[in-house]
N, C-alpha and C. Protein backbone atom coordinates (compact mmCIF):
# COMPACT_ATOMS: atom_id res chain seq x y z
N MET A 1 -19.88 67.41 11.49
CA MET A 1 -20.66 66.67 12.30
C MET A 1 -21.91 67.09 12.63
N PRO A 2 -23.02 66.49 12.22
CA PRO A 2 -24.37 66.95 12.43
C PRO A 2 -24.64 67.07 13.78
N ASP A 3 -25.41 68.37 14.13
CA ASP A 3 -25.80 68.57 15.46
C ASP A 3 -27.00 67.50 15.85
N SER A 4 -26.55 67.21 17.25
CA SER A 4 -27.43 66.18 17.88
C SER A 4 -28.97 66.37 18.02
N ASN A 5 -29.39 67.82 18.05
CA ASN A 5 -30.57 68.14 18.13
C ASN A 5 -31.32 68.22 16.99
N SER A 6 -30.49 68.45 15.88
CA SER A 6 -30.96 68.49 14.42
C SER A 6 -32.13 67.46 14.30
N SER A 7 -32.05 66.40 14.88
CA SER A 7 -33.27 65.14 14.68
C SER A 7 -34.17 65.17 15.82
N SER A 8 -34.30 66.25 16.64
CA SER A 8 -35.22 66.24 17.73
C SER A 8 -36.81 66.43 17.21
N TRP A 9 -36.71 66.87 16.42
CA TRP A 9 -38.14 67.13 15.89
C TRP A 9 -38.30 65.97 14.85
N LYS A 10 -37.58 65.28 14.06
CA LYS A 10 -37.67 64.56 13.19
C LYS A 10 -38.61 63.00 13.40
N GLN A 11 -38.23 62.57 14.30
CA GLN A 11 -38.80 61.30 14.88
C GLN A 11 -40.34 61.70 15.24
N PRO A 12 -40.70 62.45 15.96
CA PRO A 12 -42.21 62.68 15.83
C PRO A 12 -42.85 63.00 14.63
N TYR A 13 -42.26 63.78 13.82
CA TYR A 13 -42.84 63.91 12.20
C TYR A 13 -42.74 62.60 11.60
N ILE A 14 -42.06 61.72 11.50
CA ILE A 14 -41.93 60.57 10.56
C ILE A 14 -42.96 59.63 11.58
N GLU A 15 -43.16 59.79 12.70
CA GLU A 15 -44.24 58.93 13.17
C GLU A 15 -45.71 59.60 12.76
N ALA A 16 -45.87 61.05 12.73
CA ALA A 16 -47.12 61.62 12.24
C ALA A 16 -47.61 61.29 10.86
N LEU A 17 -46.22 61.03 10.32
CA LEU A 17 -46.69 60.73 8.84
C LEU A 17 -47.22 59.02 8.48
N ARG A 18 -46.80 58.37 9.63
CA ARG A 18 -47.18 57.33 9.49
C ARG A 18 -48.49 56.69 10.31
N GLU A 19 -48.82 57.56 10.93
CA GLU A 19 -50.11 57.48 11.90
C GLU A 19 -51.43 57.68 11.30
N SER A 20 -52.25 56.50 11.64
CA SER A 20 -53.69 56.62 10.97
C SER A 20 -54.44 56.85 12.24
N ASN A 21 -54.29 56.82 13.49
CA ASN A 21 -55.57 57.03 14.72
C ASN A 21 -55.34 58.40 14.56
N LYS A 22 -56.27 59.02 14.70
CA LYS A 22 -56.59 60.37 14.67
C LYS A 22 -56.19 60.95 16.09
N LYS A 23 -56.56 60.29 17.31
CA LYS A 23 -55.89 60.96 18.42
C LYS A 23 -54.62 61.10 18.85
N LYS A 24 -53.94 59.82 18.29
CA LYS A 24 -52.59 59.66 18.60
C LYS A 24 -51.90 60.58 17.22
N LEU A 25 -52.35 60.71 16.17
CA LEU A 25 -51.86 61.79 15.02
C LEU A 25 -52.12 63.34 15.60
N SER A 26 -53.08 63.42 16.21
CA SER A 26 -53.03 64.86 16.86
C SER A 26 -52.02 65.09 18.06
N GLU A 27 -52.10 64.11 18.58
CA GLU A 27 -50.71 64.52 19.67
C GLU A 27 -49.28 64.48 18.87
N LEU A 28 -49.01 63.55 17.92
CA LEU A 28 -47.74 63.73 17.22
C LEU A 28 -47.49 65.00 16.51
N VAL A 29 -48.70 65.37 15.89
CA VAL A 29 -48.48 66.91 15.00
C VAL A 29 -48.24 68.03 16.08
N TYR A 30 -48.73 67.87 17.20
CA TYR A 30 -48.62 68.92 18.23
C TYR A 30 -46.98 68.62 18.82
N ALA A 31 -46.76 67.58 18.99
CA ALA A 31 -45.11 67.38 19.38
C ALA A 31 -44.25 67.71 18.47
N THR A 32 -44.61 67.41 17.20
CA THR A 32 -43.79 67.79 16.19
C THR A 32 -43.37 69.22 16.00
N GLU A 33 -44.68 69.97 16.28
CA GLU A 33 -44.71 71.75 15.87
C GLU A 33 -43.83 72.08 17.26
N ALA A 34 -44.14 71.48 18.28
CA ALA A 34 -43.49 71.87 19.55
C ALA A 34 -41.73 71.91 19.22
N ALA A 35 -41.36 70.84 18.77
CA ALA A 35 -40.16 70.42 18.74
C ALA A 35 -39.74 71.38 17.64
N ILE A 36 -40.16 71.57 16.68
CA ILE A 36 -39.63 72.08 15.39
C ILE A 36 -39.54 73.73 15.95
N LEU A 37 -40.52 74.27 16.61
CA LEU A 37 -40.23 75.54 17.33
C LEU A 37 -39.09 75.88 18.13
N LEU A 38 -38.78 74.87 19.19
CA LEU A 38 -37.75 74.52 20.16
C LEU A 38 -36.36 74.53 19.20
N ARG A 39 -36.39 73.78 18.18
CA ARG A 39 -34.86 73.64 17.13
C ARG A 39 -34.99 75.15 16.29
N LEU A 40 -36.04 75.94 16.02
CA LEU A 40 -35.86 77.19 15.28
C LEU A 40 -35.38 77.91 16.27
N PHE A 41 -35.62 77.88 17.75
CA PHE A 41 -35.05 78.67 18.66
C PHE A 41 -33.51 78.48 18.70
N GLU A 42 -33.33 77.39 18.95
CA GLU A 42 -31.90 76.91 19.14
C GLU A 42 -30.91 77.20 17.55
N LEU A 43 -31.30 77.28 16.92
CA LEU A 43 -30.86 77.75 15.72
C LEU A 43 -30.50 79.22 15.46
N GLY A 44 -31.38 80.05 16.06
CA GLY A 44 -31.51 81.48 16.21
C GLY A 44 -31.41 81.87 14.60
N ASP A 45 -30.57 83.09 14.55
CA ASP A 45 -30.22 83.96 13.51
C ASP A 45 -29.10 83.21 12.62
N SER A 46 -28.53 82.21 12.98
CA SER A 46 -27.50 81.50 12.20
C SER A 46 -27.54 81.16 10.85
N ALA A 47 -26.73 81.52 10.09
CA ALA A 47 -26.74 81.65 8.73
C ALA A 47 -26.30 80.12 8.00
N ASP A 48 -25.92 79.23 9.26
CA ASP A 48 -25.81 77.87 9.01
C ASP A 48 -27.39 76.95 9.08
N HIS A 49 -27.20 75.75 8.61
CA HIS A 49 -28.30 74.95 8.70
C HIS A 49 -29.28 75.24 7.91
N ASP A 50 -29.05 75.80 6.61
CA ASP A 50 -30.12 76.11 5.45
C ASP A 50 -30.67 74.76 5.15
N GLU A 51 -29.97 73.96 5.05
CA GLU A 51 -30.54 72.37 4.54
C GLU A 51 -31.47 71.92 5.52
N GLU A 52 -31.42 72.28 7.05
CA GLU A 52 -32.23 71.58 7.91
C GLU A 52 -33.64 72.65 7.79
N ARG A 53 -33.54 73.97 7.87
CA ARG A 53 -34.46 74.89 7.79
C ARG A 53 -35.54 74.82 6.56
N ASN A 54 -34.80 74.13 5.54
CA ASN A 54 -35.69 73.71 4.22
C ASN A 54 -36.52 72.29 4.52
N GLU A 55 -36.05 71.46 5.44
CA GLU A 55 -36.66 70.19 5.72
C GLU A 55 -37.60 70.69 6.62
N ILE A 56 -37.46 71.75 7.69
CA ILE A 56 -38.68 72.09 8.57
C ILE A 56 -39.36 72.67 7.53
N ASP A 57 -39.33 73.66 6.80
CA ASP A 57 -40.35 74.25 6.02
C ASP A 57 -41.05 73.08 5.32
N ALA A 58 -40.76 71.93 4.57
CA ALA A 58 -41.25 70.93 4.12
C ALA A 58 -42.09 70.35 5.15
N ALA A 59 -41.47 70.04 6.18
CA ALA A 59 -42.31 69.28 7.50
C ALA A 59 -43.73 70.20 7.72
N TYR A 60 -43.39 71.46 7.81
CA TYR A 60 -44.51 72.21 8.28
C TYR A 60 -45.59 72.45 6.98
N ALA A 61 -45.22 72.26 5.99
CA ALA A 61 -46.27 72.02 4.76
C ALA A 61 -47.08 70.84 4.98
N ASP A 62 -46.13 69.61 5.28
CA ASP A 62 -46.86 68.27 5.45
C ASP A 62 -47.63 68.57 6.60
N LEU A 63 -47.59 68.84 7.65
CA LEU A 63 -48.02 69.04 9.03
C LEU A 63 -49.38 69.60 8.75
N LEU A 64 -49.23 70.79 7.89
CA LEU A 64 -50.52 71.53 7.56
C LEU A 64 -51.69 70.73 6.76
N THR A 65 -51.05 70.00 5.74
CA THR A 65 -51.74 69.18 4.89
C THR A 65 -52.28 67.92 5.59
N ILE A 66 -51.84 67.51 7.02
CA ILE A 66 -52.33 66.48 7.94
C ILE A 66 -53.37 67.09 8.55
N LYS A 67 -53.49 68.20 9.09
CA LYS A 67 -54.21 68.61 9.94
C LYS A 67 -55.57 69.29 9.23
N ILE A 68 -55.52 69.55 7.93
CA ILE A 68 -56.46 69.90 7.15
C ILE A 68 -57.40 68.82 6.64
N HIS A 69 -56.45 67.51 6.29
CA HIS A 69 -57.24 66.52 5.32
C HIS A 69 -57.27 65.45 6.26
N LYS A 70 -56.60 65.13 7.36
CA LYS A 70 -56.64 63.84 8.35
C LYS A 70 -57.34 64.44 9.34
N LEU A 71 -57.19 65.57 9.82
CA LEU A 71 -57.62 65.83 11.22
C LEU A 71 -58.76 67.03 11.23
N GLY A 72 -59.17 67.35 9.93
CA GLY A 72 -60.45 68.03 9.70
C GLY A 72 -60.13 69.61 10.32
N TRP A 73 -59.04 69.89 10.15
CA TRP A 73 -58.47 71.51 10.81
C TRP A 73 -58.95 72.44 9.56
N PRO A 74 -59.42 73.53 9.89
CA PRO A 74 -59.81 74.14 11.25
C PRO A 74 -61.46 73.50 11.53
N PRO A 75 -61.40 73.22 12.94
CA PRO A 75 -62.71 72.88 13.18
C PRO A 75 -63.77 73.78 12.63
N SER A 76 -64.64 73.15 12.32
CA SER A 76 -65.96 74.23 11.87
C SER A 76 -66.47 75.28 12.99
N MET A 77 -66.82 76.18 12.87
CA MET A 77 -67.36 77.32 13.69
C MET A 77 -68.77 76.95 14.14
N PRO A 78 -69.18 76.86 15.26
CA PRO A 78 -70.40 76.84 15.32
C PRO A 78 -71.37 77.70 15.04
N SER A 79 -72.63 77.63 14.26
CA SER A 79 -73.40 78.79 13.93
C SER A 79 -73.81 79.77 14.86
N LYS A 80 -74.25 80.66 14.62
CA LYS A 80 -74.97 81.55 15.71
C LYS A 80 -76.43 81.18 15.83
N PRO A 81 -76.64 81.26 16.83
CA PRO A 81 -77.92 81.04 17.34
C PRO A 81 -79.19 82.00 16.39
N ALA A 82 -80.35 81.60 15.93
CA ALA A 82 -81.14 82.63 15.32
C ALA A 82 -81.54 83.41 16.68
N GLN A 83 -81.62 84.95 16.27
CA GLN A 83 -82.27 86.10 16.99
C GLN A 83 -83.54 86.44 16.59
């Protein structure tokens, strides 16, 4: 039987993949990252859940792509004022 917490990060992740509004997308990305971190904490060092860990790795790669290409991450640093 699948762990009920195994999908806790998947819903915001799926919503982030579909969202086009930058403000909502940013919120979903951060919500997904927080849910993934919580889930990884729940999993601990267990040798089980390899499939879910692989899904999480793929989701992190997707979130990074979203942050770079859709949200313009990292934001450009302000230039130093001329002295």
